[in-house]
Amino acid sequence: MRRVTYSMGVSLDGYIVGPDGGFDFTEPDDEVFRFWIDEIREVGVHILGRKLYETMLYWETAEQDASLSDADREWIALWNPLPKVVFSTTLSTVQGNARLISGGLAEEIERLRAEPGEGDIAIGGATLAAEVAASGLIDEYRAVVHPVLVGGGIPFFPRSERRVDLELVETRTLGAGVVYLRHRVVR
């Protein structure tokens, strides 16, 4: 069965965006970007909320930019053909290799798990991840921790009263003082 993973850049105090809505603190250096390229290779389908989908739309047409680096082009070659499922009640259409769904998140994940296929089911976006976590469907949490305190914003982890025991699977120190933490949910 395919794993469901939740992976995002996060501040040391636990936020994916700061109180002003900014997430420039997660802008990757070359080594961190290489990490994300390697990470996306393991993904078979990416589930996104509206905000992350809109942020990632840049890559749908970025290949026309002559100033892109080789790493940018490698990311585009992996990201654009990757199947994406966008959950939104406000969007009416999506672009690229994406399909739009307005409800039934847990059911969609169970359906994707049951399908034959390679690669993880990756969750992107804290709001969406909170709903998936509440259903007990996340298998791994992967935090790419940036050395900054932003003081508030949208938390990486959902604020719930439910305990989730985790097992540390991997740690790695990346460029610019960024630390990767990978934990598996103990079932």
Protein backbone atom coordinates (compact mmCIF):
# COMPACT_ATOMS: atom_id res chain seq x y z
CA MET A 1 0.00 0.00 0.00
CA ARG A 2 1.25 3.50 -0.86
CA ARG A 3 2.46 5.77 1.95
CA VAL A 4 0.82 9.11 2.69
CA THR A 5 3.47 11.70 3.49
CA TYR A 6 3.28 15.30 4.66
CA SER A 7 6.38 17.32 3.86
CA MET A 8 6.94 21.07 3.91
CA GLY A 9 9.41 23.73 4.88
CA VAL A 10 8.81 24.96 8.43
CA SER A 11 10.29 27.55 10.78
CA LEU A 12 12.00 26.35 13.95
CA ASP A 13 8.97 27.57 15.92
CA GLY A 14 6.68 25.40 13.80
CA TYR A 15 5.09 27.56 11.07
CA ILE A 16 4.91 27.06 7.31
CA VAL A 17 4.09 30.76 6.80
CA GLY A 18 4.65 33.68 9.10
CA PRO A 19 2.02 36.00 10.60
CA ASP A 20 2.23 38.23 7.50
CA GLY A 21 1.48 35.26 5.20
CA GLY A 22 5.06 35.21 3.92
CA PHE A 23 7.15 32.09 3.51
CA ASP A 24 10.31 33.58 2.03
CA PHE A 25 12.26 31.99 4.90
CA THR A 26 11.80 28.62 3.14
CA GLU A 27 13.45 29.77 -0.10
CA PRO A 28 15.95 27.00 -0.76
CA ASP A 29 19.65 27.34 -1.43
CA ASP A 30 21.13 24.98 -4.04
CA GLU A 31 21.55 22.08 -1.61
CA VAL A 32 18.03 22.35 -0.19
CA PHE A 33 16.57 22.65 -3.69
CA ARG A 34 18.46 19.49 -4.67
CA PHE A 35 16.90 17.80 -1.63
CA TRP A 36 13.39 18.79 -2.84
CA ILE A 37 14.18 17.49 -6.33
CA ASP A 38 15.22 14.13 -4.86
CA GLU A 39 12.15 14.12 -2.60
CA ILE A 40 9.71 14.66 -5.49
CA ARG A 41 11.18 11.65 -7.29
CA GLU A 42 9.54 9.44 -4.62
CA VAL A 43 6.08 10.91 -5.16
CA GLY A 44 3.45 9.19 -7.30
CA VAL A 45 0.66 11.74 -6.78
CA HIS A 46 0.61 15.10 -5.00
CA ILE A 47 -2.47 16.33 -3.14
CA LEU A 48 -2.61 20.10 -2.75
CA GLY A 49 -4.88 22.69 -1.24
CA ARG A 50 -5.76 25.82 -3.21
CA LYS A 51 -3.06 28.06 -1.74
CA LEU A 52 -0.18 25.69 -2.42
CA TYR A 53 -1.59 24.87 -5.85
CA GLU A 54 -1.67 28.56 -6.74
CA THR A 55 1.90 29.01 -5.47
CA MET A 56 3.13 26.07 -7.54
CA LEU A 57 1.37 27.26 -10.73
CA TYR A 58 4.53 29.19 -11.54
CA TRP A 59 6.21 25.94 -12.62
CA GLU A 60 3.53 25.18 -15.24
CA THR A 61 4.92 27.87 -17.56
CA ALA A 62 8.38 28.51 -16.08
CA GLU A 63 10.15 26.40 -18.71
CA GLN A 64 9.82 29.35 -21.11
CA ASP A 65 12.16 31.40 -18.89
CA ALA A 66 15.62 31.34 -20.49
CA SER A 67 17.32 32.24 -17.19
CA LEU A 68 16.35 29.00 -15.44
CA SER A 69 19.08 26.90 -13.91
CA ASP A 70 19.64 23.25 -14.73
CA ALA A 71 18.14 22.38 -11.33
CA ASP A 72 15.02 24.44 -12.13
CA ARG A 73 14.64 22.57 -15.41
CA GLU A 74 15.09 19.24 -13.63
CA TRP A 75 12.36 20.21 -11.14
CA ILE A 76 10.00 21.19 -13.98
CA ALA A 77 10.65 17.86 -15.74
CA LEU A 78 9.58 16.03 -12.56
CA TRP A 79 6.84 18.34 -11.25
CA ASN A 80 4.81 19.11 -14.37
CA PRO A 81 3.99 15.52 -15.40
CA LEU A 82 3.34 14.47 -11.79
CA PRO A 83 -0.37 13.77 -11.22
CA LYS A 84 -1.90 16.30 -8.83
CA VAL A 85 -5.20 16.38 -7.00
CA VAL A 86 -6.32 19.87 -5.98
CA PHE A 87 -8.88 20.20 -3.20
CA SER A 88 -10.76 23.49 -3.38
CA THR A 89 -14.27 24.82 -3.01
CA THR A 90 -13.37 28.15 -4.62
CA LEU A 91 -11.52 27.14 -7.82
CA SER A 92 -13.54 26.17 -10.89
CA THR A 93 -10.64 24.88 -13.02
CA VAL A 94 -7.04 23.73 -12.63
CA GLN A 95 -4.14 23.59 -15.09
CA GLY A 96 -1.54 21.06 -16.09
CA ASN A 97 -1.64 17.48 -14.91
CA ALA A 98 -4.12 18.26 -12.13
CA ARG A 99 -7.69 17.42 -11.36
CA LEU A 100 -10.02 19.36 -9.09
CA ILE A 101 -12.02 17.88 -6.22
CA SER A 102 -14.21 19.80 -3.77
CA GLY A 103 -14.82 17.20 -1.07
CA GLY A 104 -14.20 13.68 0.18
CA LEU A 105 -10.52 14.03 1.06
CA ALA A 106 -10.30 10.84 3.17
CA GLU A 107 -12.19 8.88 0.52
CA GLU A 108 -9.85 10.16 -2.22
CA ILE A 109 -6.78 9.13 -0.24
CA GLU A 110 -8.19 5.66 0.39
CA ARG A 111 -9.00 5.36 -3.32
CA LEU A 112 -5.46 6.41 -4.29
CA ARG A 113 -3.98 3.96 -1.77
CA ALA A 114 -5.98 1.12 -3.27
CA GLU A 115 -4.91 1.91 -6.84
CA PRO A 116 -1.87 0.17 -8.23
CA GLY A 117 0.93 2.62 -8.63
CA GLU A 118 4.38 3.66 -7.61
CA GLY A 119 5.40 6.43 -5.30
CA ASP A 120 4.06 8.15 -2.23
CA ILE A 121 0.86 10.08 -1.91
CA ALA A 122 2.22 13.46 -0.86
CA ILE A 123 0.13 16.02 1.01
CA GLY A 124 0.96 19.69 0.52
CA GLY A 125 -0.50 22.45 2.64
CA ALA A 126 -1.09 22.62 6.38
CA THR A 127 -4.88 23.02 6.23
CA LEU A 128 -5.25 19.96 4.04
CA ALA A 129 -2.71 18.02 6.12
CA ALA A 130 -4.67 18.82 9.30
CA GLU A 131 -7.77 17.19 7.82
CA VAL A 132 -5.79 14.15 6.68
CA ALA A 133 -4.09 13.89 10.10
CA ALA A 134 -7.46 14.08 11.88
CA SER A 135 -8.54 11.04 9.84
CA GLY A 136 -5.36 9.20 10.89
CA LEU A 137 -4.18 8.82 7.31
CA ILE A 138 -0.68 10.32 7.43
CA ASP A 139 2.06 7.69 7.52
CA GLU A 140 5.08 10.00 7.63
CA TYR A 141 5.77 13.58 8.69
CA ARG A 142 8.74 15.18 6.93
CA ALA A 143 9.74 18.57 8.27
CA VAL A 144 12.39 20.65 6.53
CA VAL A 145 13.22 22.96 9.44
CA HIS A 146 14.66 26.39 8.65
CA PRO A 147 16.72 28.27 11.25
CA VAL A 148 14.27 31.12 11.85
CA LEU A 149 11.59 32.00 14.39
CA VAL A 150 8.64 33.72 12.72
CA GLY A 151 6.45 34.13 15.82
CA GLY A 152 3.14 32.90 14.46
CA GLY A 153 1.24 32.12 11.29
CA ILE A 154 0.01 28.80 9.94
CA PRO A 155 1.38 25.88 11.96
CA PHE A 156 2.98 22.85 10.31
CA PHE A 157 1.29 20.54 12.79
CA PRO A 158 -2.45 20.69 13.35
CA ARG A 159 -3.53 21.82 16.80
CA SER A 160 -5.52 18.86 18.05
CA GLU A 161 -6.08 17.01 21.24
CA ARG A 162 -5.05 13.70 19.66
CA ARG A 163 -1.74 12.09 20.54
CA VAL A 164 0.30 10.64 17.68
CA ASP A 165 3.38 8.56 18.52
CA LEU A 166 6.23 8.90 16.04
CA GLU A 167 9.41 7.00 15.26
CA LEU A 168 12.42 8.93 13.98
CA VAL A 169 13.42 7.43 10.62
CA GLU A 170 15.95 9.91 9.29
CA THR A 171 17.69 13.20 10.00
CA ARG A 172 19.89 15.17 7.68
CA THR A 173 21.59 18.55 7.89
CA LEU A 174 21.29 20.52 4.66
CA GLY A 175 22.67 23.84 3.48
CA ALA A 176 22.06 27.14 5.28
CA GLY A 177 21.51 25.38 8.61
CA VAL A 178 18.36 23.60 7.43
CA VAL A 179 17.57 20.27 9.11
CA TYR A 180 15.42 17.51 7.62
CA LEU A 181 13.43 15.39 10.09
CA ARG A 182 11.53 12.33 8.90
CA HIS A 183 9.19 10.58 11.33
CA ARG A 184 6.98 7.54 10.76
CA VAL A 185 3.64 7.27 12.57
CA VAL A 186 3.66 4.34 14.99
CA ARG A 187 0.50 2.28 14.48
